Amino acid sequence: MIKITSSPCLAVLLVLGLPAAPAQAQLARTYVSAANGDDGRDCSRGTPCKTFQRAHDTTLANGEITVLDPGGYAR
């Protein structure tokens, strides 16, 4: 017969791991568009972001943010 016991250390590790934020993919080059951008997207060329803040948060260190069209990006 197999006996299964619970370990307090295991329980602590599981509880501490729960609030961890999910990993988000980051790109070396992201794009923003005032005309058809959406901050719910991944900021790739085909699905640009609306704001520079979202593009910044999605871009790798030393990456590039490319502006696709002129517009009001301060919103």
PDB file of N, CA and C in Angstrom:
ATOM      1  N   MET A   1       0.840  -1.172   0.000  1.00  0.00           N
ATOM      2  CA  MET A   1       0.000   0.000   0.000  1.00  0.00           C
ATOM      3  C   MET A   1       0.889   1.241   0.000  1.00  0.00           C
ATOM      4  N   ILE A   2       0.491   2.237  -0.756  1.00  0.00           N
ATOM      5  CA  ILE A   2       1.247   3.484  -0.853  1.00  0.00           C
ATOM      6  C   ILE A   2       0.626   4.508   0.086  1.00  0.00           C
ATOM      7  N   LYS A   3       1.469   5.124   0.874  1.00  0.00           N
ATOM      8  CA  LYS A   3       1.002   6.149   1.800  1.00  0.00           C
ATOM      9  C   LYS A   3       1.419   7.515   1.262  1.00  0.00           C
ATOM     10  N   ILE A   4       0.457   8.406   1.123  1.00  0.00           N
ATOM     11  CA  ILE A   4       0.722   9.761   0.622  1.00  0.00           C
ATOM     12  C   ILE A   4       0.551  10.731   1.783  1.00  0.00           C
ATOM     13  N   THR A   5       1.581  11.513   2.026  1.00  0.00           N
ATOM     14  CA  THR A   5       1.515  12.513   3.089  1.00  0.00           C
ATOM     15  C   THR A   5       1.713  13.889   2.482  1.00  0.00           C
ATOM     16  N   SER A   6       1.129  14.861   3.100  1.00  0.00           N
ATOM     17  CA  SER A   6       1.306  16.229   2.614  1.00  0.00           C
ATOM     18  C   SER A   6       2.436  16.891   3.387  1.00  0.00           C
ATOM     19  N   SER A   7       3.149  17.720   2.706  1.00  0.00           N
ATOM     20  CA  SER A   7       4.272  18.411   3.310  1.00  0.00           C
ATOM     21  C   SER A   7       3.932  19.892   3.450  1.00  0.00           C
ATOM     22  N   PRO A   8       4.172  20.460   4.631  1.00  0.00           N
ATOM     23  CA  PRO A   8       3.918  21.895   4.797  1.00  0.00           C
ATOM     24  C   PRO A   8       4.758  22.736   3.837  1.00  0.00           C
ATOM     25  N   CYS A   9       5.959  22.294   3.529  1.00  0.00           N
ATOM     26  CA  CYS A   9       6.819  23.045   2.607  1.00  0.00           C
ATOM     27  C   CYS A   9       6.208  23.075   1.210  1.00  0.00           C
ATOM     28  N   LEU A  10       5.649  21.951   0.790  1.00  0.00           N
ATOM     29  CA  LEU A  10       5.020  21.887  -0.520  1.00  0.00           C
ATOM     30  C   LEU A  10       3.825  22.821  -0.587  1.00  0.00           C
ATOM     31  N   ALA A  11       3.038  22.863   0.455  1.00  0.00           N
ATOM     32  CA  ALA A  11       1.875  23.740   0.501  1.00  0.00           C
ATOM     33  C   ALA A  11       2.294  25.206   0.416  1.00  0.00           C
ATOM     34  N   VAL A  12       3.350  25.571   1.120  1.00  0.00           N
ATOM     35  CA  VAL A  12       3.851  26.950   1.090  1.00  0.00           C
ATOM     36  C   VAL A  12       4.326  27.306  -0.308  1.00  0.00           C
ATOM     37  N   LEU A  13       5.047  26.403  -0.950  1.00  0.00           N
ATOM     38  CA  LEU A  13       5.533  26.669  -2.305  1.00  0.00           C
ATOM     39  C   LEU A  13       4.381  26.850  -3.279  1.00  0.00           C
ATOM     40  N   LEU A  14       3.349  26.045  -3.158  1.00  0.00           N
ATOM     41  CA  LEU A  14       2.191  26.190  -4.034  1.00  0.00           C
ATOM     42  C   LEU A  14       1.478  27.514  -3.823  1.00  0.00           C
ATOM     43  N   VAL A  15       1.316  27.921  -2.581  1.00  0.00           N
ATOM     44  CA  VAL A  15       0.642  29.184  -2.276  1.00  0.00           C
ATOM     45  C   VAL A  15       1.465  30.369  -2.769  1.00  0.00           C
ATOM     46  N   LEU A  16       2.768  30.320  -2.596  1.00  0.00           N
ATOM     47  CA  LEU A  16       3.613  31.427  -3.040  1.00  0.00           C
ATOM     48  C   LEU A  16       3.665  31.522  -4.554  1.00  0.00           C
ATOM     49  N   GLY A  17       3.486  30.444  -5.255  1.00  0.00           N
ATOM     50  CA  GLY A  17       3.536  30.449  -6.707  1.00  0.00           C
ATOM     51  C   GLY A  17       2.255  30.915  -7.365  1.00  0.00           C
ATOM     52  N   LEU A  18       1.141  30.947  -6.646  1.00  0.00           N
ATOM     53  CA  LEU A  18      -0.129  31.328  -7.241  1.00  0.00           C
ATOM     54  C   LEU A  18      -0.200  32.774  -7.714  1.00  0.00           C
ATOM     55  N   PRO A  19       0.285  33.759  -6.949  1.00  0.00           N
ATOM     56  CA  PRO A  19       0.135  35.139  -7.408  1.00  0.00           C
ATOM     57  C   PRO A  19       1.109  35.549  -8.515  1.00  0.00           C
ATOM     58  N   ALA A  20       1.931  34.668  -8.978  1.00  0.00           N
ATOM     59  CA  ALA A  20       2.898  35.013 -10.025  1.00  0.00           C
ATOM     60  C   ALA A  20       2.162  35.415 -11.301  1.00  0.00           C
ATOM     61  N   ALA A  21       2.608  36.495 -11.902  1.00  0.00           N
ATOM     62  CA  ALA A  21       1.991  36.981 -13.137  1.00  0.00           C
ATOM     63  C   ALA A  21       2.359  36.073 -14.297  1.00  0.00           C
ATOM     64  N   PRO A  22       1.443  35.905 -15.237  1.00  0.00           N
ATOM     65  CA  PRO A  22       1.762  35.074 -16.393  1.00  0.00           C
ATOM     66  C   PRO A  22       2.818  35.744 -17.267  1.00  0.00           C
ATOM     67  N   ALA A  23       3.648  34.966 -17.889  1.00  0.00           N
ATOM     68  CA  ALA A  23       4.691  35.505 -18.760  1.00  0.00           C
ATOM     69  C   ALA A  23       4.061  36.107 -20.005  1.00  0.00           C
ATOM     70  N   GLN A  24       4.607  37.210 -20.441  1.00  0.00           N
ATOM     71  CA  GLN A  24       4.112  37.847 -21.649  1.00  0.00           C
ATOM     72  C   GLN A  24       5.229  37.883 -22.669  1.00  0.00           C
ATOM     73  N   ALA A  25       4.869  37.589 -23.891  1.00  0.00           N
ATOM     74  CA  ALA A  25       5.860  37.600 -24.957  1.00  0.00           C
ATOM     75  C   ALA A  25       6.306  39.028 -25.222  1.00  0.00           C
ATOM     76  N   GLN A  26       7.585  39.195 -25.473  1.00  0.00           N
ATOM     77  CA  GLN A  26       8.109  40.498 -25.816  1.00  0.00           C
ATOM     78  C   GLN A  26       8.768  40.414 -27.171  1.00  0.00           C
ATOM     79  N   LEU A  27       8.691  41.500 -27.912  1.00  0.00           N
ATOM     80  CA  LEU A  27       9.216  41.562 -29.264  1.00  0.00           C
ATOM     81  C   LEU A  27      10.401  42.513 -29.338  1.00  0.00           C
ATOM     82  N   ALA A  28      11.300  42.276 -30.269  1.00  0.00           N
ATOM     83  CA  ALA A  28      12.431  43.180 -30.484  1.00  0.00           C
ATOM     84  C   ALA A  28      11.973  44.451 -31.199  1.00  0.00           C
ATOM     85  N   ARG A  29      10.929  44.350 -32.005  1.00  0.00           N
ATOM     86  CA  ARG A  29      10.379  45.515 -32.700  1.00  0.00           C
ATOM     87  C   ARG A  29       8.869  45.501 -32.551  1.00  0.00           C
ATOM     88  N   THR A  30       8.318  46.613 -32.074  1.00  0.00           N
ATOM     89  CA  THR A  30       6.873  46.744 -31.939  1.00  0.00           C
ATOM     90  C   THR A  30       6.395  47.931 -32.761  1.00  0.00           C
ATOM     91  N   TYR A  31       5.091  48.005 -32.968  1.00  0.00           N
ATOM     92  CA  TYR A  31       4.503  49.027 -33.825  1.00  0.00           C
ATOM     93  C   TYR A  31       3.325  49.686 -33.123  1.00  0.00           C
ATOM     94  N   VAL A  32       3.155  50.997 -33.368  1.00  0.00           N
ATOM     95  CA  VAL A  32       2.006  51.740 -32.868  1.00  0.00           C
ATOM     96  C   VAL A  32       1.299  52.400 -34.035  1.00  0.00           C
ATOM     97  N   SER A  33      -0.021  52.521 -33.913  1.00  0.00           N
ATOM     98  CA  SER A  33      -0.828  53.150 -34.949  1.00  0.00           C
ATOM     99  C   SER A  33      -1.976  53.897 -34.290  1.00  0.00           C
ATOM    100  N   ALA A  34      -2.087  55.187 -34.600  1.00  0.00           N
ATOM    101  CA  ALA A  34      -3.188  55.976 -34.065  1.00  0.00           C
ATOM    102  C   ALA A  34      -4.486  55.618 -34.780  1.00  0.00           C
ATOM    103  N   ALA A  35      -4.393  55.234 -36.037  1.00  0.00           N
ATOM    104  CA  ALA A  35      -5.580  54.957 -36.844  1.00  0.00           C
ATOM    105  C   ALA A  35      -6.252  53.628 -36.490  1.00  0.00           C
ATOM    106  N   ASN A  36      -5.477  52.554 -36.393  1.00  0.00           N
ATOM    107  CA  ASN A  36      -6.103  51.250 -36.147  1.00  0.00           C
ATOM    108  C   ASN A  36      -5.400  50.443 -35.059  1.00  0.00           C
ATOM    109  N   GLY A  37      -4.698  51.115 -34.156  1.00  0.00           N
ATOM    110  CA  GLY A  37      -4.037  50.419 -33.063  1.00  0.00           C
ATOM    111  C   GLY A  37      -5.005  50.010 -31.967  1.00  0.00           C
ATOM    112  N   ASP A  38      -4.619  49.003 -31.215  1.00  0.00           N
ATOM    113  CA  ASP A  38      -5.431  48.509 -30.107  1.00  0.00           C
ATOM    114  C   ASP A  38      -4.480  47.947 -29.055  1.00  0.00           C
ATOM    115  N   ASP A  39      -4.557  48.446 -27.829  1.00  0.00           N
ATOM    116  CA  ASP A  39      -3.643  48.009 -26.777  1.00  0.00           C
ATOM    117  C   ASP A  39      -3.912  46.590 -26.286  1.00  0.00           C
ATOM    118  N   GLY A  40      -4.944  45.966 -26.770  1.00  0.00           N
ATOM    119  CA  GLY A  40      -5.215  44.581 -26.434  1.00  0.00           C
ATOM    120  C   GLY A  40      -4.471  43.614 -27.338  1.00  0.00           C
ATOM    121  N   ARG A  41      -3.748  44.146 -28.279  1.00  0.00           N
ATOM    122  CA  ARG A  41      -3.017  43.329 -29.243  1.00  0.00           C
ATOM    123  C   ARG A  41      -1.576  43.133 -28.811  1.00  0.00           C
ATOM    124  N   ASP A  42      -0.801  42.424 -29.651  1.00  0.00           N
ATOM    125  CA  ASP A  42       0.591  42.114 -29.295  1.00  0.00           C
ATOM    126  C   ASP A  42       1.612  43.112 -29.838  1.00  0.00           C
ATOM    127  N   CYS A  43       1.187  44.158 -30.533  1.00  0.00           N
ATOM    128  CA  CYS A  43       2.049  45.232 -31.045  1.00  0.00           C
ATOM    129  C   CYS A  43       2.944  44.775 -32.203  1.00  0.00           C
ATOM    130  N   SER A  44       2.591  43.708 -32.886  1.00  0.00           N
ATOM    131  CA  SER A  44       3.356  43.292 -34.064  1.00  0.00           C
ATOM    132  C   SER A  44       2.932  44.158 -35.249  1.00  0.00           C
ATOM    133  N   ARG A  45       3.566  43.979 -36.392  1.00  0.00           N
ATOM    134  CA  ARG A  45       3.278  44.797 -37.577  1.00  0.00           C
ATOM    135  C   ARG A  45       1.818  44.653 -38.013  1.00  0.00           C
ATOM    136  N   GLY A  46       1.301  43.463 -37.960  1.00  0.00           N
ATOM    137  CA  GLY A  46      -0.076  43.215 -38.388  1.00  0.00           C
ATOM    138  C   GLY A  46      -1.119  43.623 -37.366  1.00  0.00           C
ATOM    139  N   THR A  47      -0.730  43.691 -36.106  1.00  0.00           N
ATOM    140  CA  THR A  47      -1.661  44.050 -35.027  1.00  0.00           C
ATOM    141  C   THR A  47      -0.998  45.078 -34.106  1.00  0.00           C
ATOM    142  N   PRO A  48      -0.901  46.343 -34.567  1.00  0.00           N
ATOM    143  CA  PRO A  48      -0.184  47.370 -33.797  1.00  0.00           C
ATOM    144  C   PRO A  48      -0.926  47.797 -32.528  1.00  0.00           C
ATOM    145  N   CYS A  49      -0.169  48.389 -31.610  1.00  0.00           N
ATOM    146  CA  CYS A  49      -0.729  48.952 -30.378  1.00  0.00           C
ATOM    147  C   CYS A  49      -1.259  50.355 -30.653  1.00  0.00           C
ATOM    148  N   LYS A  50      -2.030  50.861 -29.712  1.00  0.00           N
ATOM    149  CA  LYS A  50      -2.578  52.214 -29.813  1.00  0.00           C
ATOM    150  C   LYS A  50      -1.668  53.238 -29.130  1.00  0.00           C
ATOM    151  N   THR A  51      -1.006  52.839 -28.036  1.00  0.00           N
ATOM    152  CA  THR A  51      -0.221  53.796 -27.257  1.00  0.00           C
ATOM    153  C   THR A  51       1.248  53.381 -27.169  1.00  0.00           C
ATOM    154  N   PHE A  52       2.090  54.382 -26.945  1.00  0.00           N
ATOM    155  CA  PHE A  52       3.510  54.127 -26.770  1.00  0.00           C
ATOM    156  C   PHE A  52       3.783  53.351 -25.477  1.00  0.00           C
ATOM    157  N   GLN A  53       2.965  53.586 -24.447  1.00  0.00           N
ATOM    158  CA  GLN A  53       3.180  52.877 -23.185  1.00  0.00           C
ATOM    159  C   GLN A  53       3.027  51.376 -23.377  1.00  0.00           C
ATOM    160  N   ARG A  54       1.987  50.958 -24.082  1.00  0.00           N
ATOM    161  CA  ARG A  54       1.777  49.522 -24.337  1.00  0.00           C
ATOM    162  C   ARG A  54       2.912  48.964 -25.190  1.00  0.00           C
ATOM    163  N   ALA A  55       3.329  49.713 -26.211  1.00  0.00           N
ATOM    164  CA  ALA A  55       4.437  49.271 -27.064  1.00  0.00           C
ATOM    165  C   ALA A  55       5.718  49.165 -26.240  1.00  0.00           C
ATOM    166  N   HIS A  56       5.964  50.133 -25.373  1.00  0.00           N
ATOM    167  CA  HIS A  56       7.149  50.108 -24.518  1.00  0.00           C
ATOM    168  C   HIS A  56       7.147  48.880 -23.620  1.00  0.00           C
ATOM    169  N   ASP A  57       6.009  48.584 -23.033  1.00  0.00           N
ATOM    170  CA  ASP A  57       5.899  47.438 -22.128  1.00  0.00           C
ATOM    171  C   ASP A  57       6.068  46.105 -22.854  1.00  0.00           C
ATOM    172  N   THR A  58       5.824  46.089 -24.157  1.00  0.00           N
ATOM    173  CA  THR A  58       5.888  44.861 -24.950  1.00  0.00           C
ATOM    174  C   THR A  58       7.233  44.693 -25.652  1.00  0.00           C
ATOM    175  N   THR A  59       8.048  45.749 -25.680  1.00  0.00           N
ATOM    176  CA  THR A  59       9.312  45.727 -26.411  1.00  0.00           C
ATOM    177  C   THR A  59      10.463  45.275 -25.523  1.00  0.00           C
ATOM    178  N   LEU A  60      11.322  44.417 -26.054  1.00  0.00           N
ATOM    179  CA  LEU A  60      12.513  43.970 -25.346  1.00  0.00           C
ATOM    180  C   LEU A  60      13.467  45.144 -25.112  1.00  0.00           C
ATOM    181  N   ALA A  61      14.353  45.011 -24.142  1.00  0.00           N
ATOM    182  CA  ALA A  61      15.377  46.032 -23.911  1.00  0.00           C
ATOM    183  C   ALA A  61      16.202  46.195 -25.185  1.00  0.00           C
ATOM    184  N   ASN A  62      16.534  47.410 -25.524  1.00  0.00           N
ATOM    185  CA  ASN A  62      17.266  47.766 -26.748  1.00  0.00           C
ATOM    186  C   ASN A  62      16.473  47.455 -28.015  1.00  0.00           C
ATOM    187  N   GLY A  63      15.167  47.274 -27.894  1.00  0.00           N
ATOM    188  CA  GLY A  63      14.312  47.040 -29.062  1.00  0.00           C
ATOM    189  C   GLY A  63      13.899  48.358 -29.691  1.00  0.00           C
ATOM    190  N   GLU A  64      13.043  48.270 -30.705  1.00  0.00           N
ATOM    191  CA  GLU A  64      12.591  49.459 -31.437  1.00  0.00           C
ATOM    192  C   GLU A  64      11.069  49.532 -31.456  1.00  0.00           C
ATOM    193  N   ILE A  65      10.563  50.764 -31.371  1.00  0.00           N
ATOM    194  CA  ILE A  65       9.143  51.031 -31.533  1.00  0.00           C
ATOM    195  C   ILE A  65       8.996  51.828 -32.818  1.00  0.00           C
ATOM    196  N   THR A  66       8.193  51.324 -33.735  1.00  0.00           N
ATOM    197  CA  THR A  66       8.002  51.969 -35.033  1.00  0.00           C
ATOM    198  C   THR A  66       6.604  52.572 -35.109  1.00  0.00           C
ATOM    199  N   VAL A  67       6.526  53.836 -35.532  1.00  0.00           N
ATOM    200  CA  VAL A  67       5.256  54.539 -35.692  1.00  0.00           C
ATOM    201  C   VAL A  67       4.767  54.321 -37.121  1.00  0.00           C
ATOM    202  N   LEU A  68       3.551  53.820 -37.268  1.00  0.00           N
ATOM    203  CA  LEU A  68       3.015  53.527 -38.590  1.00  0.00           C
ATOM    204  C   LEU A  68       2.303  54.709 -39.238  1.00  0.00           C
ATOM    205  N   ASP A  69       1.738  55.595 -38.430  1.00  0.00           N
ATOM    206  CA  ASP A  69       1.043  56.758 -38.990  1.00  0.00           C
ATOM    207  C   ASP A  69       1.014  57.886 -37.981  1.00  0.00           C
ATOM    208  N   PRO A  70       0.841  59.134 -38.456  1.00  0.00           N
ATOM    209  CA  PRO A  70       0.777  60.272 -37.539  1.00  0.00           C
ATOM    210  C   PRO A  70      -0.555  60.252 -36.767  1.00  0.00           C
ATOM    211  N   GLY A  71      -0.536  60.812 -35.585  1.00  0.00           N
ATOM    212  CA  GLY A  71      -1.776  60.863 -34.819  1.00  0.00           C
ATOM    213  C   GLY A  71      -1.543  61.300 -33.392  1.00  0.00           C
ATOM    214  N   GLY A  72      -2.614  61.321 -32.621  1.00  0.00           N
ATOM    215  CA  GLY A  72      -2.549  61.708 -31.216  1.00  0.00           C
ATOM    216  C   GLY A  72      -2.256  60.514 -30.337  1.00  0.00           C
ATOM    217  N   TYR A  73      -1.008  60.339 -29.967  1.00  0.00           N
ATOM    218  CA  TYR A  73      -0.613  59.182 -29.173  1.00  0.00           C
ATOM    219  C   TYR A  73      -0.612  59.458 -27.677  1.00  0.00           C
ATOM    220  N   ALA A  74      -0.947  60.652 -27.252  1.00  0.00           N
ATOM    221  CA  ALA A  74      -0.895  61.011 -25.842  1.00  0.00           C
ATOM    222  C   ALA A  74      -2.114  60.536 -25.071  1.00  0.00           C
ATOM    223  N   ARG A  75      -3.075  59.920 -25.725  1.00  0.00           N
ATOM    224  CA  ARG A  75      -4.314  59.497 -25.054  1.00  0.00           C
ATOM    225  C   ARG A  75      -4.123  58.252 -24.271  1.00  0.00           C
TER     226      ARG A  75
END
